[in-house]
Amino acid sequence: MKKPVPTFKSEAAERAFWQTHDSADYMDWSDAATPALPNLKSTTRTISLRLPEPLLDDLKRLANKRDVPYQSLLKTFLADRIKAELHPAKS
């Protein structure tokens, strides 16, 4: 027999409880269903981009200095430039 789940006074109290208790003692997960989320769409698209090696090396060096992945830095650079081109007064 499973233990009853207590009533919590706050979300913080519930969070603290579940950090120290195993949910298997309180719930029967064998009946749990995997939710279907058919309307979720990826917000990113993978592309292939050819860059000259020296440019890629410079990008990686800059990313390393900033302690970020070079792909993330490239996305930031692109977003900043596109914003500047599309909205020059707001940049």
N, C-alpha and C. Protein backbone atom coordinates (compact mmCIF):
# COMPACT_ATOMS: atom_id res chain seq x y z
N MET A 1 0.84 -1.19 0.00
CA MET A 1 0.00 0.00 0.00
C MET A 1 0.89 1.25 0.00
N LYS A 2 0.52 2.20 -0.83
CA LYS A 2 1.29 3.43 -0.96
C LYS A 2 0.95 4.40 0.16
N LYS A 3 1.94 5.21 0.53
CA LYS A 3 1.72 6.23 1.54
C LYS A 3 0.91 7.38 0.93
N PRO A 4 0.08 8.05 1.74
CA PRO A 4 -0.65 9.20 1.20
C PRO A 4 0.30 10.39 1.02
N VAL A 5 0.08 11.14 -0.06
CA VAL A 5 0.89 12.34 -0.31
C VAL A 5 0.40 13.42 0.65
N PRO A 6 1.32 14.02 1.41
CA PRO A 6 0.89 15.06 2.36
C PRO A 6 0.40 16.32 1.65
N THR A 7 -0.31 17.13 2.39
CA THR A 7 -0.75 18.44 1.89
C THR A 7 0.35 19.43 2.26
N PHE A 8 0.71 20.27 1.31
CA PHE A 8 1.82 21.21 1.51
C PHE A 8 1.30 22.63 1.65
N LYS A 9 1.97 23.42 2.49
CA LYS A 9 1.56 24.81 2.70
C LYS A 9 2.08 25.72 1.60
N SER A 10 3.11 25.28 0.90
CA SER A 10 3.68 26.12 -0.15
C SER A 10 4.40 25.24 -1.17
N GLU A 11 4.69 25.84 -2.31
CA GLU A 11 5.45 25.12 -3.34
C GLU A 11 6.86 24.80 -2.82
N ALA A 12 7.43 25.72 -2.06
CA ALA A 12 8.76 25.49 -1.49
C ALA A 12 8.76 24.29 -0.55
N ALA A 13 7.70 24.16 0.25
CA ALA A 13 7.60 23.03 1.17
C ALA A 13 7.47 21.72 0.39
N GLU A 14 6.69 21.74 -0.67
CA GLU A 14 6.55 20.54 -1.50
C GLU A 14 7.87 20.18 -2.16
N ARG A 15 8.57 21.19 -2.69
CA ARG A 15 9.86 20.95 -3.33
C ARG A 15 10.85 20.32 -2.33
N ALA A 16 10.88 20.85 -1.12
CA ALA A 16 11.79 20.33 -0.09
C ALA A 16 11.43 18.88 0.25
N PHE A 17 10.14 18.58 0.32
CA PHE A 17 9.70 17.22 0.62
C PHE A 17 10.18 16.25 -0.44
N TRP A 18 9.94 16.57 -1.73
CA TRP A 18 10.28 15.64 -2.80
C TRP A 18 11.78 15.51 -3.01
N GLN A 19 12.55 16.47 -2.53
CA GLN A 19 14.01 16.34 -2.61
C GLN A 19 14.54 15.29 -1.65
N THR A 20 13.74 14.95 -0.65
CA THR A 20 14.21 14.00 0.36
C THR A 20 13.36 12.72 0.43
N HIS A 21 12.38 12.59 -0.46
CA HIS A 21 11.51 11.42 -0.44
C HIS A 21 11.42 10.82 -1.84
N ASP A 22 11.24 9.52 -1.90
CA ASP A 22 11.11 8.81 -3.17
C ASP A 22 9.63 8.75 -3.56
N SER A 23 9.31 9.28 -4.74
CA SER A 23 7.91 9.30 -5.18
C SER A 23 7.33 7.90 -5.34
N ALA A 24 8.18 6.90 -5.54
CA ALA A 24 7.69 5.51 -5.68
C ALA A 24 7.03 5.02 -4.40
N ASP A 25 7.35 5.63 -3.27
CA ASP A 25 6.70 5.26 -2.01
C ASP A 25 5.28 5.83 -1.93
N TYR A 26 4.96 6.78 -2.80
CA TYR A 26 3.69 7.49 -2.72
C TYR A 26 2.79 7.30 -3.95
N MET A 27 3.38 6.90 -5.07
CA MET A 27 2.62 6.79 -6.31
C MET A 27 2.96 5.50 -7.04
N ASP A 28 1.99 4.97 -7.74
CA ASP A 28 2.19 3.78 -8.55
C ASP A 28 2.48 4.23 -9.98
N TRP A 29 3.75 4.25 -10.34
CA TRP A 29 4.16 4.76 -11.65
C TRP A 29 3.91 3.75 -12.77
N SER A 30 3.51 2.52 -12.43
CA SER A 30 3.27 1.52 -13.48
C SER A 30 2.07 1.90 -14.35
N ASP A 31 1.16 2.70 -13.82
CA ASP A 31 -0.02 3.13 -14.58
C ASP A 31 0.20 4.46 -15.30
N ALA A 32 1.36 5.05 -15.12
CA ALA A 32 1.61 6.37 -15.72
C ALA A 32 1.65 6.27 -17.24
N ALA A 33 1.05 7.25 -17.89
CA ALA A 33 1.03 7.29 -19.35
C ALA A 33 2.01 8.36 -19.84
N THR A 34 2.62 8.08 -20.96
CA THR A 34 3.49 9.07 -21.58
C THR A 34 2.60 10.07 -22.30
N PRO A 35 2.76 11.36 -22.00
CA PRO A 35 1.88 12.33 -22.65
C PRO A 35 2.21 12.50 -24.13
N ALA A 36 1.19 12.73 -24.93
CA ALA A 36 1.37 13.01 -26.35
C ALA A 36 1.31 14.52 -26.53
N LEU A 37 2.33 15.08 -27.15
CA LEU A 37 2.40 16.51 -27.39
C LEU A 37 2.59 16.74 -28.89
N PRO A 38 1.53 16.50 -29.68
CA PRO A 38 1.67 16.53 -31.14
C PRO A 38 1.90 17.91 -31.73
N ASN A 39 1.59 18.97 -31.01
CA ASN A 39 1.72 20.31 -31.58
C ASN A 39 3.05 20.99 -31.30
N LEU A 40 3.94 20.29 -30.61
CA LEU A 40 5.25 20.87 -30.34
C LEU A 40 6.08 20.89 -31.61
N LYS A 41 6.70 22.02 -31.86
CA LYS A 41 7.56 22.14 -33.04
C LYS A 41 8.91 22.67 -32.61
N SER A 42 9.92 22.22 -33.25
CA SER A 42 11.26 22.70 -32.96
C SER A 42 11.35 24.18 -33.30
N THR A 43 12.01 24.92 -32.45
CA THR A 43 12.17 26.35 -32.70
C THR A 43 13.48 26.65 -33.42
N THR A 44 14.28 25.65 -33.62
CA THR A 44 15.54 25.85 -34.33
C THR A 44 15.61 24.89 -35.51
N ARG A 45 16.44 25.23 -36.45
CA ARG A 45 16.65 24.39 -37.62
C ARG A 45 18.15 24.22 -37.80
N THR A 46 18.57 23.02 -38.06
CA THR A 46 19.97 22.73 -38.31
C THR A 46 20.30 23.11 -39.74
N ILE A 47 21.40 23.84 -39.91
CA ILE A 47 21.86 24.20 -41.24
C ILE A 47 23.32 23.84 -41.39
N SER A 48 23.77 23.78 -42.61
CA SER A 48 25.18 23.57 -42.89
C SER A 48 25.74 24.90 -43.38
N LEU A 49 26.82 25.34 -42.79
CA LEU A 49 27.41 26.63 -43.14
C LEU A 49 28.90 26.43 -43.34
N ARG A 50 29.38 26.75 -44.52
CA ARG A 50 30.81 26.63 -44.80
C ARG A 50 31.48 27.94 -44.49
N LEU A 51 32.50 27.88 -43.64
CA LEU A 51 33.27 29.06 -43.27
C LEU A 51 34.73 28.83 -43.60
N PRO A 52 35.44 29.87 -44.01
CA PRO A 52 36.89 29.71 -44.18
C PRO A 52 37.52 29.32 -42.84
N GLU A 53 38.47 28.41 -42.89
CA GLU A 53 39.08 27.92 -41.64
C GLU A 53 39.63 29.02 -40.75
N PRO A 54 40.32 30.04 -41.32
CA PRO A 54 40.82 31.10 -40.43
C PRO A 54 39.68 31.84 -39.71
N LEU A 55 38.54 32.04 -40.39
CA LEU A 55 37.40 32.70 -39.75
C LEU A 55 36.84 31.84 -38.63
N LEU A 56 36.71 30.55 -38.87
CA LEU A 56 36.22 29.63 -37.84
C LEU A 56 37.19 29.58 -36.66
N ASP A 57 38.48 29.56 -36.95
CA ASP A 57 39.49 29.57 -35.87
C ASP A 57 39.36 30.83 -35.02
N ASP A 58 39.17 31.98 -35.67
CA ASP A 58 39.02 33.24 -34.93
C ASP A 58 37.75 33.21 -34.07
N LEU A 59 36.67 32.69 -34.65
CA LEU A 59 35.41 32.58 -33.91
C LEU A 59 35.58 31.69 -32.68
N LYS A 60 36.25 30.58 -32.85
CA LYS A 60 36.48 29.67 -31.72
C LYS A 60 37.35 30.32 -30.66
N ARG A 61 38.34 31.09 -31.09
CA ARG A 61 39.21 31.78 -30.13
C ARG A 61 38.41 32.80 -29.32
N LEU A 62 37.57 33.57 -30.01
CA LEU A 62 36.73 34.55 -29.31
C LEU A 62 35.77 33.85 -28.35
N ALA A 63 35.17 32.77 -28.80
CA ALA A 63 34.23 32.02 -27.95
C ALA A 63 34.95 31.48 -26.72
N ASN A 64 36.16 30.99 -26.91
CA ASN A 64 36.94 30.46 -25.79
C ASN A 64 37.20 31.56 -24.77
N LYS A 65 37.55 32.77 -25.23
CA LYS A 65 37.80 33.89 -24.31
C LYS A 65 36.56 34.22 -23.50
N ARG A 66 35.38 34.06 -24.12
CA ARG A 66 34.12 34.39 -23.45
C ARG A 66 33.53 33.18 -22.73
N ASP A 67 34.17 32.03 -22.86
CA ASP A 67 33.72 30.80 -22.22
C ASP A 67 32.30 30.42 -22.65
N VAL A 68 32.06 30.49 -23.97
CA VAL A 68 30.78 30.08 -24.54
C VAL A 68 31.06 29.18 -25.74
N PRO A 69 30.13 28.33 -26.13
CA PRO A 69 30.31 27.54 -27.34
C PRO A 69 30.36 28.45 -28.57
N TYR A 70 31.19 28.10 -29.53
CA TYR A 70 31.35 28.98 -30.69
C TYR A 70 30.06 29.10 -31.50
N GLN A 71 29.24 28.05 -31.51
CA GLN A 71 27.97 28.14 -32.23
C GLN A 71 27.05 29.18 -31.58
N SER A 72 27.06 29.24 -30.27
CA SER A 72 26.24 30.23 -29.56
C SER A 72 26.74 31.64 -29.84
N LEU A 73 28.04 31.80 -29.85
CA LEU A 73 28.60 33.12 -30.15
C LEU A 73 28.24 33.55 -31.57
N LEU A 74 28.32 32.62 -32.50
CA LEU A 74 27.97 32.93 -33.88
C LEU A 74 26.50 33.35 -33.97
N LYS A 75 25.61 32.66 -33.27
CA LYS A 75 24.19 33.03 -33.28
C LYS A 75 23.99 34.43 -32.70
N THR A 76 24.73 34.76 -31.65
CA THR A 76 24.64 36.09 -31.06
C THR A 76 25.11 37.15 -32.05
N PHE A 77 26.25 36.90 -32.70
CA PHE A 77 26.76 37.84 -33.69
C PHE A 77 25.76 38.04 -34.82
N LEU A 78 25.19 36.96 -35.32
CA LEU A 78 24.22 37.06 -36.40
C LEU A 78 22.97 37.83 -35.96
N ALA A 79 22.47 37.52 -34.79
CA ALA A 79 21.26 38.20 -34.29
C ALA A 79 21.51 39.69 -34.14
N ASP A 80 22.68 40.06 -33.59
CA ASP A 80 23.01 41.48 -33.41
C ASP A 80 23.09 42.20 -34.76
N ARG A 81 23.73 41.57 -35.72
CA ARG A 81 23.89 42.21 -37.03
C ARG A 81 22.56 42.32 -37.76
N ILE A 82 21.75 41.28 -37.70
CA ILE A 82 20.44 41.32 -38.36
C ILE A 82 19.57 42.40 -37.73
N LYS A 83 19.59 42.50 -36.42
CA LYS A 83 18.82 43.54 -35.73
C LYS A 83 19.30 44.92 -36.18
N ALA A 84 20.59 45.11 -36.26
CA ALA A 84 21.15 46.40 -36.69
C ALA A 84 20.74 46.74 -38.12
N GLU A 85 20.70 45.74 -38.99
CA GLU A 85 20.34 45.97 -40.39
C GLU A 85 18.84 46.25 -40.55
N LEU A 86 18.03 45.52 -39.79
CA LEU A 86 16.57 45.67 -39.92
C LEU A 86 16.02 46.87 -39.15
N HIS A 87 16.66 47.22 -38.05
CA HIS A 87 16.18 48.30 -37.18
C HIS A 87 17.34 49.22 -36.82
N PRO A 88 17.88 49.97 -37.77
CA PRO A 88 19.08 50.77 -37.52
C PRO A 88 18.92 51.80 -36.41
N ALA A 89 17.74 52.38 -36.23
CA ALA A 89 17.55 53.40 -35.21
C ALA A 89 17.52 52.81 -33.79
N LYS A 90 17.18 51.53 -33.67
CA LYS A 90 17.06 50.89 -32.35
C LYS A 90 18.36 50.28 -31.89
N SER A 91 19.38 50.24 -32.71
CA SER A 91 20.63 49.58 -32.33
C SER A 91 21.53 50.48 -31.54
